[in-house]
Protein backbone atom coordinates (compact mmCIF):
# COMPACT_ATOMS: atom_id res chain seq x y z
CA MET A 1 89.00 70.91 86.69
CA LYS A 2 88.57 69.91 90.34
CA PHE A 3 92.29 70.46 90.87
CA LEU A 4 92.06 73.98 89.44
CA CYS A 5 89.07 74.78 91.68
CA LEU A 6 91.01 73.49 94.69
CA LEU A 7 94.00 75.67 93.82
CA VAL A 8 91.82 78.76 93.43
CA PHE A 9 90.11 78.01 96.75
CA LEU A 10 93.43 77.54 98.57
CA GLN A 11 94.87 80.72 97.08
CA THR A 12 91.79 82.67 98.17
CA LEU A 13 92.00 81.18 101.65
CA LEU A 14 95.69 82.06 102.00
CA CYS A 15 95.10 85.62 100.83
CA ALA A 16 92.24 86.06 103.29
CA MET A 17 94.35 84.76 106.20
CA GLY A 18 97.30 87.09 105.73
CA THR A 19 97.36 90.50 107.36
CA PRO A 20 98.78 93.01 104.90
CA LEU A 21 101.16 95.61 106.26
CA ARG A 22 100.16 99.21 105.83
CA ALA A 23 102.52 102.17 105.53
CA ASP A 24 101.61 103.35 109.03
CA ASP A 25 102.73 99.97 110.47
CA TYR A 26 106.36 100.99 109.91
CA PRO A 27 108.25 103.62 111.93
CA PRO A 28 109.20 106.79 110.03
CA LEU A 29 112.60 106.81 108.33
CA ALA A 30 115.20 109.38 109.22
CA PRO A 31 115.95 111.93 106.47
CA ASP A 32 119.59 110.76 106.44
CA ASP A 33 118.43 107.21 105.68
CA LEU A 34 116.31 108.44 102.78
CA LYS A 35 119.32 110.27 101.30
CA MET A 36 121.58 107.18 101.53
CA THR A 37 122.90 106.00 98.16
CA PHE A 38 125.75 103.73 99.30
CA GLU A 39 126.43 101.35 102.19
CA SER A 40 130.05 100.21 102.56
CA MET A 41 129.08 96.89 104.18
CA ALA A 42 126.71 96.05 101.30
CA SER A 43 128.49 97.45 98.25
CA GLY A 44 126.74 96.46 95.04
CA ALA A 45 123.53 95.43 96.80
CA PRO A 46 120.36 96.57 95.03
CA ALA A 47 118.68 97.21 98.39
CA ILE A 48 119.35 97.04 102.12
CA ILE A 49 117.14 96.66 105.18
CA LEU A 50 116.83 99.91 107.14
CA TYR A 51 114.56 98.53 109.84
CA ARG A 52 114.00 95.02 111.15
CA GLN A 53 111.81 93.96 114.03
CA VAL A 54 111.60 90.44 115.41
CA ASP A 55 108.79 89.60 117.80
CA ARG A 56 109.09 86.30 119.59
CA ASP A 57 108.10 84.70 122.84
CA ASP A 58 110.83 82.49 124.27
CA ARG A 59 108.92 81.42 127.35
CA GLU A 60 108.61 77.67 127.54
CA GLU A 61 105.44 76.09 128.81
CA VAL A 62 106.23 73.07 130.93
CA HIS A 63 103.42 70.60 131.40
CA ALA A 64 103.93 68.01 134.12
């Protein structure tokens, strides 16, 4: 029973920590992208990524 309570607590904590993405967090899609039904480089794929953003900070902090 304690294990189950711990799992429920951890699940609640993880859900509270995450920031859900809203529809207005994404840029609008072009009408041509919405009409796309086939991509030659991903034939047979059930879905493809139309937009991908990577945010990273490559600055190194050097502590002497």
